[in-house]
Amino acid sequence: MGLFAVFLLGIANFALHGVAMSRGRALMARLTPEARGMIGLLSLIFELGVLIASMAMVVGGEIGWLWGYGLYTAGNGVGAWFMVRGRL
Protein backbone atom coordinates (compact mmCIF):
# COMPACT_ATOMS: atom_id res chain seq x y z
CA MET A 1 0.00 0.00 0.00
CA GLY A 2 2.84 2.38 0.84
CA LEU A 3 4.48 1.76 -2.52
CA PHE A 4 1.24 2.60 -4.31
CA ALA A 5 0.92 5.82 -2.29
CA VAL A 6 4.48 6.87 -3.20
CA PHE A 7 3.73 6.06 -6.83
CA LEU A 8 0.63 8.30 -6.78
CA LEU A 9 2.61 11.08 -5.10
CA GLY A 10 5.21 10.66 -7.84
CA ILE A 11 2.56 11.18 -10.51
CA ALA A 12 1.48 14.34 -8.69
CA ASN A 13 5.09 15.57 -8.53
CA PHE A 14 5.62 15.10 -12.25
CA ALA A 15 2.32 16.86 -12.97
CA LEU A 16 3.32 19.76 -10.70
CA HIS A 17 6.68 19.89 -12.44
CA GLY A 18 4.99 20.16 -15.82
CA VAL A 19 2.71 22.94 -14.63
CA ALA A 20 5.56 24.88 -13.05
CA MET A 21 7.77 24.59 -16.13
CA SER A 22 5.05 25.53 -18.60
CA ARG A 23 3.25 28.24 -16.67
CA GLY A 24 5.90 29.67 -14.36
CA ARG A 25 6.02 32.87 -16.38
CA ALA A 26 7.92 35.31 -14.18
CA LEU A 27 10.77 33.03 -13.22
CA MET A 28 11.10 31.14 -16.49
CA ALA A 29 10.88 34.26 -18.69
CA ARG A 30 14.26 35.41 -17.38
CA LEU A 31 15.99 32.33 -18.78
CA THR A 32 17.16 31.59 -22.30
CA PRO A 33 15.42 28.72 -24.10
CA GLU A 34 18.56 26.60 -23.76
CA ALA A 35 18.71 27.21 -20.02
CA ARG A 36 15.01 26.37 -19.67
CA GLY A 37 15.56 23.10 -21.51
CA MET A 38 18.58 22.16 -19.41
CA ILE A 39 16.87 23.07 -16.14
CA GLY A 40 13.80 21.12 -17.23
CA LEU A 41 15.83 18.02 -18.01
CA LEU A 42 17.92 18.16 -14.83
CA SER A 43 14.89 18.73 -12.65
CA LEU A 44 13.07 15.77 -14.24
CA ILE A 45 16.10 13.56 -13.57
CA PHE A 46 16.15 14.80 -9.97
CA GLU A 47 12.40 14.10 -9.57
CA LEU A 48 12.89 10.58 -10.92
CA GLY A 49 15.81 9.96 -8.57
CA VAL A 50 13.85 11.11 -5.52
CA LEU A 51 10.89 8.96 -6.58
CA ILE A 52 13.01 5.84 -7.09
CA ALA A 53 14.82 6.35 -3.79
CA SER A 54 11.54 6.85 -1.93
CA MET A 55 9.99 3.77 -3.53
CA ALA A 56 13.04 1.66 -2.70
CA MET A 57 13.03 2.79 0.93
CA VAL A 58 9.29 2.17 1.33
CA VAL A 59 9.66 -1.33 -0.14
CA GLY A 60 12.46 -1.89 2.38
CA GLY A 61 10.06 -1.11 5.24
CA GLU A 62 11.09 2.49 5.90
CA ILE A 63 7.59 3.99 6.11
CA GLY A 64 8.98 7.37 7.20
CA TRP A 65 10.03 7.90 3.61
CA LEU A 66 6.36 7.87 2.60
CA TRP A 67 5.66 10.76 4.97
CA GLY A 68 8.80 12.56 3.83
CA TYR A 69 7.86 12.18 0.18
CA GLY A 70 4.38 13.42 1.01
CA LEU A 71 5.90 16.57 2.55
CA TYR A 72 8.16 16.93 -0.49
CA THR A 73 5.09 16.74 -2.74
CA ALA A 74 3.30 19.35 -0.64
CA GLY A 75 6.32 21.64 -0.96
CA ASN A 76 6.33 21.14 -4.72
CA GLY A 77 2.63 22.02 -4.77
CA VAL A 78 3.24 25.26 -2.90
CA GLY A 79 6.16 26.13 -5.17
CA ALA A 80 4.13 25.42 -8.31
CA TRP A 81 1.28 27.53 -6.95
CA PHE A 82 3.64 30.46 -6.37
CA MET A 83 5.07 30.11 -9.88
CA VAL A 84 1.68 29.89 -11.57
CA ARG A 85 0.40 32.89 -9.62
CA GLY A 86 3.45 34.90 -10.68
CA ARG A 87 4.84 35.36 -7.19
CA LEU A 88 8.22 33.85 -8.13
PDB file of N, CA and C in Angstrom:
ATOM      1  N   MET A   1       0.817  -1.190   0.000  1.00  0.00           N
ATOM      2  CA  MET A   1       0.000   0.000   0.000  1.00  0.00           C
ATOM      3  C   MET A   1       0.870   1.267   0.000  1.00  0.00           C
ATOM      4  N   GLY A   2       1.949   1.233   0.785  1.00  0.00           N
ATOM      5  CA  GLY A   2       2.837   2.380   0.839  1.00  0.00           C
ATOM      6  C   GLY A   2       3.491   2.657  -0.507  1.00  0.00           C
ATOM      7  N   LEU A   3       3.860   1.598  -1.207  1.00  0.00           N
ATOM      8  CA  LEU A   3       4.481   1.759  -2.523  1.00  0.00           C
ATOM      9  C   LEU A   3       3.514   2.424  -3.500  1.00  0.00           C
ATOM     10  N   PHE A   4       2.266   2.015  -3.442  1.00  0.00           N
ATOM     11  CA  PHE A   4       1.244   2.605  -4.308  1.00  0.00           C
ATOM     12  C   PHE A   4       1.046   4.083  -3.978  1.00  0.00           C
ATOM     13  N   ALA A   5       1.068   4.423  -2.705  1.00  0.00           N
ATOM     14  CA  ALA A   5       0.918   5.818  -2.292  1.00  0.00           C
ATOM     15  C   ALA A   5       2.094   6.662  -2.804  1.00  0.00           C
ATOM     16  N   VAL A   6       3.313   6.147  -2.687  1.00  0.00           N
ATOM     17  CA  VAL A   6       4.478   6.872  -3.197  1.00  0.00           C
ATOM     18  C   VAL A   6       4.368   7.021  -4.709  1.00  0.00           C
ATOM     19  N   PHE A   7       3.900   5.998  -5.381  1.00  0.00           N
ATOM     20  CA  PHE A   7       3.727   6.063  -6.830  1.00  0.00           C
ATOM     21  C   PHE A   7       2.741   7.168  -7.211  1.00  0.00           C
ATOM     22  N   LEU A   8       1.618   7.251  -6.504  1.00  0.00           N
ATOM     23  CA  LEU A   8       0.630   8.296  -6.785  1.00  0.00           C
ATOM     24  C   LEU A   8       1.196   9.690  -6.490  1.00  0.00           C
ATOM     25  N   LEU A   9       1.957   9.797  -5.403  1.00  0.00           N
ATOM     26  CA  LEU A   9       2.606  11.077  -5.103  1.00  0.00           C
ATOM     27  C   LEU A   9       3.617  11.437  -6.198  1.00  0.00           C
ATOM     28  N   GLY A  10       4.278  10.430  -6.746  1.00  0.00           N
ATOM     29  CA  GLY A  10       5.214  10.661  -7.845  1.00  0.00           C
ATOM     30  C   GLY A  10       4.519  11.204  -9.075  1.00  0.00           C
ATOM     31  N   ILE A  11       3.347  10.666  -9.378  1.00  0.00           N
ATOM     32  CA  ILE A  11       2.562  11.184 -10.507  1.00  0.00           C
ATOM     33  C   ILE A  11       2.214  12.642 -10.258  1.00  0.00           C
ATOM     34  N   ALA A  12       1.810  12.948  -9.030  1.00  0.00           N
ATOM     35  CA  ALA A  12       1.484  14.338  -8.686  1.00  0.00           C
ATOM     36  C   ALA A  12       2.708  15.238  -8.839  1.00  0.00           C
ATOM     37  N   ASN A  13       3.875  14.761  -8.416  1.00  0.00           N
ATOM     38  CA  ASN A  13       5.091  15.569  -8.530  1.00  0.00           C
ATOM     39  C   ASN A  13       5.441  15.862  -9.984  1.00  0.00           C
ATOM     40  N   PHE A  14       5.314  14.866 -10.839  1.00  0.00           N
ATOM     41  CA  PHE A  14       5.621  15.095 -12.249  1.00  0.00           C
ATOM     42  C   PHE A  14       4.599  16.033 -12.884  1.00  0.00           C
ATOM     43  N   ALA A  15       3.344  15.936 -12.470  1.00  0.00           N
ATOM     44  CA  ALA A  15       2.323  16.862 -12.974  1.00  0.00           C
ATOM     45  C   ALA A  15       2.612  18.287 -12.502  1.00  0.00           C
ATOM     46  N   LEU A  16       2.968  18.437 -11.232  1.00  0.00           N
ATOM     47  CA  LEU A  16       3.316  19.764 -10.702  1.00  0.00           C
ATOM     48  C   LEU A  16       4.538  20.330 -11.414  1.00  0.00           C
ATOM     49  N   HIS A  17       5.481  19.470 -11.714  1.00  0.00           N
ATOM     50  CA  HIS A  17       6.680  19.894 -12.444  1.00  0.00           C
ATOM     51  C   HIS A  17       6.303  20.437 -13.813  1.00  0.00           C
ATOM     52  N   GLY A  18       5.430  19.720 -14.502  1.00  0.00           N
ATOM     53  CA  GLY A  18       4.991  20.161 -15.824  1.00  0.00           C
ATOM     54  C   GLY A  18       4.281  21.504 -15.773  1.00  0.00           C
ATOM     55  N   VAL A  19       3.423  21.679 -14.778  1.00  0.00           N
ATOM     56  CA  VAL A  19       2.708  22.944 -14.625  1.00  0.00           C
ATOM     57  C   VAL A  19       3.685  24.072 -14.339  1.00  0.00           C
ATOM     58  N   ALA A  20       4.604  23.837 -13.426  1.00  0.00           N
ATOM     59  CA  ALA A  20       5.562  24.876 -13.051  1.00  0.00           C
ATOM     60  C   ALA A  20       6.452  25.259 -14.228  1.00  0.00           C
ATOM     61  N   MET A  21       6.877  24.290 -15.009  1.00  0.00           N
ATOM     62  CA  MET A  21       7.770  24.590 -16.131  1.00  0.00           C
ATOM     63  C   MET A  21       7.024  25.281 -17.275  1.00  0.00           C
ATOM     64  N   SER A  22       5.766  24.952 -17.471  1.00  0.00           N
ATOM     65  CA  SER A  22       5.050  25.529 -18.603  1.00  0.00           C
ATOM     66  C   SER A  22       4.373  26.854 -18.269  1.00  0.00           C
ATOM     67  N   ARG A  23       4.006  27.044 -17.002  1.00  0.00           N
ATOM     68  CA  ARG A  23       3.249  28.241 -16.666  1.00  0.00           C
ATOM     69  C   ARG A  23       3.944  29.144 -15.657  1.00  0.00           C
ATOM     70  N   GLY A  24       5.167  28.831 -15.290  1.00  0.00           N
ATOM     71  CA  GLY A  24       5.904  29.675 -14.359  1.00  0.00           C
ATOM     72  C   GLY A  24       6.499  30.863 -15.091  1.00  0.00           C
ATOM     73  N   ARG A  25       5.647  31.787 -15.476  1.00  0.00           N
ATOM     74  CA  ARG A  25       6.021  32.871 -16.384  1.00  0.00           C
ATOM     75  C   ARG A  25       7.143  33.759 -15.860  1.00  0.00           C
ATOM     76  N   ALA A  26       6.975  34.293 -14.670  1.00  0.00           N
ATOM     77  CA  ALA A  26       7.916  35.306 -14.179  1.00  0.00           C
ATOM     78  C   ALA A  26       9.332  34.761 -14.043  1.00  0.00           C
ATOM     79  N   LEU A  27       9.453  33.605 -13.435  1.00  0.00           N
ATOM     80  CA  LEU A  27      10.775  33.034 -13.219  1.00  0.00           C
ATOM     81  C   LEU A  27      11.375  32.493 -14.518  1.00  0.00           C
ATOM     82  N   MET A  28      10.580  31.795 -15.288  1.00  0.00           N
ATOM     83  CA  MET A  28      11.096  31.144 -16.489  1.00  0.00           C
ATOM     84  C   MET A  28      11.359  32.138 -17.623  1.00  0.00           C
ATOM     85  N   ALA A  29      10.688  33.281 -17.615  1.00  0.00           N
ATOM     86  CA  ALA A  29      10.877  34.263 -18.689  1.00  0.00           C
ATOM     87  C   ALA A  29      12.272  34.871 -18.653  1.00  0.00           C
ATOM     88  N   ARG A  30      12.911  34.834 -17.508  1.00  0.00           N
ATOM     89  CA  ARG A  30      14.256  35.409 -17.382  1.00  0.00           C
ATOM     90  C   ARG A  30      15.343  34.517 -17.985  1.00  0.00           C
ATOM     91  N   LEU A  31      15.000  33.291 -18.302  1.00  0.00           N
ATOM     92  CA  LEU A  31      15.992  32.332 -18.781  1.00  0.00           C
ATOM     93  C   LEU A  31      15.967  32.218 -20.296  1.00  0.00           C
ATOM     94  N   THR A  32      17.114  31.859 -20.863  1.00  0.00           N
ATOM     95  CA  THR A  32      17.162  31.586 -22.295  1.00  0.00           C
ATOM     96  C   THR A  32      16.479  30.244 -22.564  1.00  0.00           C
ATOM     97  N   PRO A  33      16.046  30.008 -23.793  1.00  0.00           N
ATOM     98  CA  PRO A  33      15.417  28.722 -24.103  1.00  0.00           C
ATOM     99  C   PRO A  33      16.331  27.525 -23.807  1.00  0.00           C
ATOM    100  N   GLU A  34      17.628  27.699 -24.043  1.00  0.00           N
ATOM    101  CA  GLU A  34      18.565  26.603 -23.762  1.00  0.00           C
ATOM    102  C   GLU A  34      18.628  26.323 -22.265  1.00  0.00           C
ATOM    103  N   ALA A  35      18.662  27.377 -21.477  1.00  0.00           N
ATOM    104  CA  ALA A  35      18.708  27.211 -20.019  1.00  0.00           C
ATOM    105  C   ALA A  35      17.424  26.569 -19.513  1.00  0.00           C
ATOM    106  N   ARG A  36      16.292  26.982 -20.066  1.00  0.00           N
ATOM    107  CA  ARG A  36      15.012  26.374 -19.671  1.00  0.00           C
ATOM    108  C   ARG A  36      15.000  24.892 -19.970  1.00  0.00           C
ATOM    109  N   GLY A  37      15.511  24.511 -21.147  1.00  0.00           N
ATOM    110  CA  GLY A  37      15.563  23.100 -21.514  1.00  0.00           C
ATOM    111  C   GLY A  37      16.472  22.298 -20.601  1.00  0.00           C
ATOM    112  N   MET A  38      17.633  22.854 -20.280  1.00  0.00           N
ATOM    113  CA  MET A  38      18.578  22.162 -19.409  1.00  0.00           C
ATOM    114  C   MET A  38      18.030  22.041 -17.993  1.00  0.00           C
ATOM    115  N   ILE A  39      17.451  23.112 -17.483  1.00  0.00           N
ATOM    116  CA  ILE A  39      16.866  23.071 -16.140  1.00  0.00           C
ATOM    117  C   ILE A  39      15.713  22.080 -16.108  1.00  0.00           C
ATOM    118  N   GLY A  40      14.906  22.063 -17.163  1.00  0.00           N
ATOM    119  CA  GLY A  40      13.795  21.115 -17.226  1.00  0.00           C
ATOM    120  C   GLY A  40      14.270  19.671 -17.201  1.00  0.00           C
ATOM    121  N   LEU A  41      15.303  19.376 -17.969  1.00  0.00           N
ATOM    122  CA  LEU A  41      15.832  18.016 -18.015  1.00  0.00           C
ATOM    123  C   LEU A  41      16.446  17.605 -16.676  1.00  0.00           C
ATOM    124  N   LEU A  42      17.272  18.480 -16.109  1.00  0.00           N
ATOM    125  CA  LEU A  42      17.920  18.158 -14.834  1.00  0.00           C
ATOM    126  C   LEU A  42      16.907  18.016 -13.704  1.00  0.00           C
ATOM    127  N   SER A  43      15.885  18.839 -13.708  1.00  0.00           N
ATOM    128  CA  SER A  43      14.889  18.731 -12.646  1.00  0.00           C
ATOM    129  C   SER A  43      14.038  17.467 -12.809  1.00  0.00           C
ATOM    130  N   LEU A  44      13.785  17.043 -14.036  1.00  0.00           N
ATOM    131  CA  LEU A  44      13.073  15.771 -14.240  1.00  0.00           C
ATOM    132  C   LEU A  44      13.912  14.589 -13.763  1.00  0.00           C
ATOM    133  N   ILE A  45      15.206  14.626 -14.041  1.00  0.00           N
ATOM    134  CA  ILE A  45      16.100  13.561 -13.569  1.00  0.00           C
ATOM    135  C   ILE A  45      16.128  13.533 -12.047  1.00  0.00           C
ATOM    136  N   PHE A  46      16.176  14.720 -11.429  1.00  0.00           N
ATOM    137  CA  PHE A  46      16.154  14.795  -9.971  1.00  0.00           C
ATOM    138  C   PHE A  46      14.845  14.228  -9.420  1.00  0.00           C
ATOM    139  N   GLU A  47      13.708  14.609 -10.014  1.00  0.00           N
ATOM    140  CA  GLU A  47      12.403  14.097  -9.571  1.00  0.00           C
ATOM    141  C   GLU A  47      12.360  12.568  -9.662  1.00  0.00           C
ATOM    142  N   LEU A  48      12.878  12.025 -10.753  1.00  0.00           N
ATOM    143  CA  LEU A  48      12.893  10.579 -10.920  1.00  0.00           C
ATOM    144  C   LEU A  48      13.767   9.919  -9.866  1.00  0.00           C
ATOM    145  N   GLY A  49      14.922  10.507  -9.585  1.00  0.00           N
ATOM    146  CA  GLY A  49      15.812   9.959  -8.566  1.00  0.00           C
ATOM    147  C   GLY A  49      15.179   9.950  -7.183  1.00  0.00           C
ATOM    148  N   VAL A  50      14.515  11.035  -6.825  1.00  0.00           N
ATOM    149  CA  VAL A  50      13.845  11.107  -5.519  1.00  0.00           C
ATOM    150  C   VAL A  50      12.716  10.081  -5.461  1.00  0.00           C
ATOM    151  N   LEU A  51      11.972   9.939  -6.547  1.00  0.00           N
ATOM    152  CA  LEU A  51      10.886   8.957  -6.581  1.00  0.00           C
ATOM    153  C   LEU A  51      11.418   7.535  -6.431  1.00  0.00           C
ATOM    154  N   ILE A  52      12.444   7.193  -7.167  1.00  0.00           N
ATOM    155  CA  ILE A  52      13.009   5.843  -7.094  1.00  0.00           C
ATOM    156  C   ILE A  52      13.570   5.563  -5.704  1.00  0.00           C
ATOM    157  N   ALA A  53      14.276   6.530  -5.128  1.00  0.00           N
ATOM    158  CA  ALA A  53      14.823   6.346  -3.785  1.00  0.00           C
ATOM    159  C   ALA A  53      13.707   6.165  -2.763  1.00  0.00           C
ATOM    160  N   SER A  54      12.662   6.961  -2.867  1.00  0.00           N
ATOM    161  CA  SER A  54      11.541   6.845  -1.933  1.00  0.00           C
ATOM    162  C   SER A  54      10.840   5.505  -2.082  1.00  0.00           C
ATOM    163  N   MET A  55      10.634   5.063  -3.307  1.00  0.00           N
ATOM    164  CA  MET A  55       9.987   3.768  -3.534  1.00  0.00           C
ATOM    165  C   MET A  55      10.843   2.626  -2.975  1.00  0.00           C
ATOM    166  N   ALA A  56      12.145   2.715  -3.200  1.00  0.00           N
ATOM    167  CA  ALA A  56      13.036   1.665  -2.697  1.00  0.00           C
ATOM    168  C   ALA A  56      13.026   1.613  -1.178  1.00  0.00           C
ATOM    169  N   MET A  57      13.028   2.761  -0.534  1.00  0.00           N
ATOM    170  CA  MET A  57      13.032   2.790   0.925  1.00  0.00           C
ATOM    171  C   MET A  57      11.706   2.293   1.497  1.00  0.00           C
ATOM    172  N   VAL A  58      10.600   2.632   0.860  1.00  0.00           N
ATOM    173  CA  VAL A  58       9.289   2.172   1.334  1.00  0.00           C
ATOM    174  C   VAL A  58       9.177   0.661   1.166  1.00  0.00           C
ATOM    175  N   VAL A  59       9.664   0.126   0.063  1.00  0.00           N
ATOM    176  CA  VAL A  59       9.659  -1.332  -0.137  1.00  0.00           C
ATOM    177  C   VAL A  59      10.508  -2.012   0.934  1.00  0.00           C
ATOM    178  N   GLY A  60      11.588  -1.346   1.349  1.00  0.00           N
ATOM    179  CA  GLY A  60      12.460  -1.888   2.385  1.00  0.00           C
ATOM    180  C   GLY A  60      11.898  -1.760   3.794  1.00  0.00           C
ATOM    181  N   GLY A  61      10.704  -1.195   3.931  1.00  0.00           N
ATOM    182  CA  GLY A  61      10.064  -1.107   5.237  1.00  0.00           C
ATOM    183  C   GLY A  61      10.235   0.224   5.943  1.00  0.00           C
ATOM    184  N   GLU A  62      10.872   1.173   5.300  1.00  0.00           N
ATOM    185  CA  GLU A  62      11.085   2.492   5.905  1.00  0.00           C
ATOM    186  C   GLU A  62       9.883   3.386   5.594  1.00  0.00           C
ATOM    187  N   ILE A  63       8.826   3.282   6.386  1.00  0.00           N
ATOM    188  CA  ILE A  63       7.586   3.994   6.112  1.00  0.00           C
ATOM    189  C   ILE A  63       7.732   5.508   6.299  1.00  0.00           C
ATOM    190  N   GLY A  64       8.734   5.942   7.036  1.00  0.00           N
ATOM    191  CA  GLY A  64       8.976   7.372   7.199  1.00  0.00           C
ATOM    192  C   GLY A  64       9.242   8.069   5.880  1.00  0.00           C
ATOM    193  N   TRP A  65       9.776   7.326   4.928  1.00  0.00           N
ATOM    194  CA  TRP A  65      10.026   7.900   3.606  1.00  0.00           C
ATOM    195  C   TRP A  65       8.728   8.253   2.894  1.00  0.00           C
ATOM    196  N   LEU A  66       7.662   7.530   3.177  1.00  0.00           N
ATOM    197  CA  LEU A  66       6.359   7.870   2.603  1.00  0.00           C
ATOM    198  C   LEU A  66       5.916   9.239   3.109  1.00  0.00           C
ATOM    199  N   TRP A  67       6.036   9.464   4.394  1.00  0.00           N
ATOM    200  CA  TRP A  67       5.663  10.755   4.965  1.00  0.00           C
ATOM    201  C   TRP A  67       6.580  11.860   4.442  1.00  0.00           C
ATOM    202  N   GLY A  68       7.858  11.576   4.357  1.00  0.00           N
ATOM    203  CA  GLY A  68       8.799  12.560   3.825  1.00  0.00           C
ATOM    204  C   GLY A  68       8.500  12.923   2.385  1.00  0.00           C
ATOM    205  N   TYR A  69       8.178  11.925   1.580  1.00  0.00           N
ATOM    206  CA  TYR A  69       7.860  12.177   0.179  1.00  0.00           C
ATOM    207  C   TYR A  69       6.539  12.935   0.057  1.00  0.00           C
ATOM    208  N   GLY A  70       5.628  12.664   0.977  1.00  0.00           N
ATOM    209  CA  GLY A  70       4.377  13.421   1.012  1.00  0.00           C
ATOM    210  C   GLY A  70       4.634  14.898   1.303  1.00  0.00           C
ATOM    211  N   LEU A  71       5.530  15.179   2.249  1.00  0.00           N
ATOM    212  CA  LEU A  71       5.896  16.565   2.547  1.00  0.00           C
ATOM    213  C   LEU A  71       6.614  17.215   1.363  1.00  0.00           C
ATOM    214  N   TYR A  72       7.456  16.449   0.703  1.00  0.00           N
ATOM    215  CA  TYR A  72       8.158  16.929  -0.490  1.00  0.00           C
ATOM    216  C   TYR A  72       7.140  17.300  -1.579  1.00  0.00           C
ATOM    217  N   THR A  73       6.128  16.470  -1.757  1.00  0.00           N
ATOM    218  CA  THR A  73       5.085  16.737  -2.738  1.00  0.00           C
ATOM    219  C   THR A  73       4.311  17.999  -2.370  1.00  0.00           C
ATOM    220  N   ALA A  74       4.004  18.151  -1.087  1.00  0.00           N
ATOM    221  CA  ALA A  74       3.299  19.353  -0.637  1.00  0.00           C
ATOM    222  C   ALA A  74       4.138  20.596  -0.912  1.00  0.00           C
ATOM    223  N   GLY A  75       5.434  20.513  -0.663  1.00  0.00           N
ATOM    224  CA  GLY A  75       6.320  21.637  -0.958  1.00  0.00           C
ATOM    225  C   GLY A  75       6.356  21.961  -2.441  1.00  0.00           C
ATOM    226  N   ASN A  76       6.371  20.926  -3.272  1.00  0.00           N
ATOM    227  CA  ASN A  76       6.330  21.139  -4.721  1.00  0.00           C
ATOM    228  C   ASN A  76       5.021  21.807  -5.127  1.00  0.00           C
ATOM    229  N   GLY A  77       3.932  21.416  -4.479  1.00  0.00           N
ATOM    230  CA  GLY A  77       2.633  22.018  -4.770  1.00  0.00           C
ATOM    231  C   GLY A  77       2.615  23.503  -4.435  1.00  0.00           C
ATOM    232  N   VAL A  78       3.171  23.853  -3.292  1.00  0.00           N
ATOM    233  CA  VAL A  78       3.241  25.259  -2.899  1.00  0.00           C
ATOM    234  C   VAL A  78       4.131  26.039  -3.869  1.00  0.00           C
ATOM    235  N   GLY A  79       5.263  25.465  -4.222  1.00  0.00           N
ATOM    236  CA  GLY A  79       6.156  26.127  -5.172  1.00  0.00           C
ATOM    237  C   GLY A  79       5.512  26.325  -6.534  1.00  0.00           C
ATOM    238  N   ALA A  80       4.804  25.306  -7.016  1.00  0.00           N
ATOM    239  CA  ALA A  80       4.126  25.419  -8.308  1.00  0.00           C
ATOM    240  C   ALA A  80       3.028  26.469  -8.239  1.00  0.00           C
ATOM    241  N   TRP A  81       2.321  26.528  -7.119  1.00  0.00           N
ATOM    242  CA  TRP A  81       1.276  27.533  -6.955  1.00  0.00           C
ATOM    243  C   TRP A  81       1.867  28.939  -7.031  1.00  0.00           C
ATOM    244  N   PHE A  82       2.985  29.147  -6.333  1.00  0.00           N
ATOM    245  CA  PHE A  82       3.642  30.459  -6.369  1.00  0.00           C
ATOM    246  C   PHE A  82       4.094  30.807  -7.790  1.00  0.00           C
ATOM    247  N   MET A  83       4.617  29.840  -8.513  1.00  0.00           N
ATOM    248  CA  MET A  83       5.074  30.108  -9.877  1.00  0.00           C
ATOM    249  C   MET A  83       3.919  30.426 -10.800  1.00  0.00           C
ATOM    250  N   VAL A  84       2.831  29.674 -10.700  1.00  0.00           N
ATOM    251  CA  VAL A  84       1.683  29.892 -11.574  1.00  0.00           C
ATOM    252  C   VAL A  84       1.029  31.237 -11.269  1.00  0.00           C
ATOM    253  N   ARG A  85       0.999  31.613 -10.012  1.00  0.00           N
ATOM    254  CA  ARG A  85       0.403  32.894  -9.616  1.00  0.00           C
ATOM    255  C   ARG A  85       1.314  34.079  -9.899  1.00  0.00           C
ATOM    256  N   GLY A  86       2.531  33.835 -10.347  1.00  0.00           N
ATOM    257  CA  GLY A  86       3.453  34.905 -10.684  1.00  0.00           C
ATOM    258  C   GLY A  86       4.155  35.522  -9.494  1.00  0.00           C
ATOM    259  N   ARG A  87       4.186  34.831  -8.378  1.00  0.00           N
ATOM    260  CA  ARG A  87       4.841  35.358  -7.191  1.00  0.00           C
ATOM    261  C   ARG A  87       6.323  35.017  -7.147  1.00  0.00           C
ATOM    262  N   LEU A  88       6.788  34.180  -8.039  1.00  0.00           N
ATOM    263  CA  LEU A  88       8.215  33.852  -8.129  1.00  0.00           C
ATOM    264  C   LEU A  88       8.720  34.215  -9.511  1.00  0.00           C
TER     265      LEU A  88
END
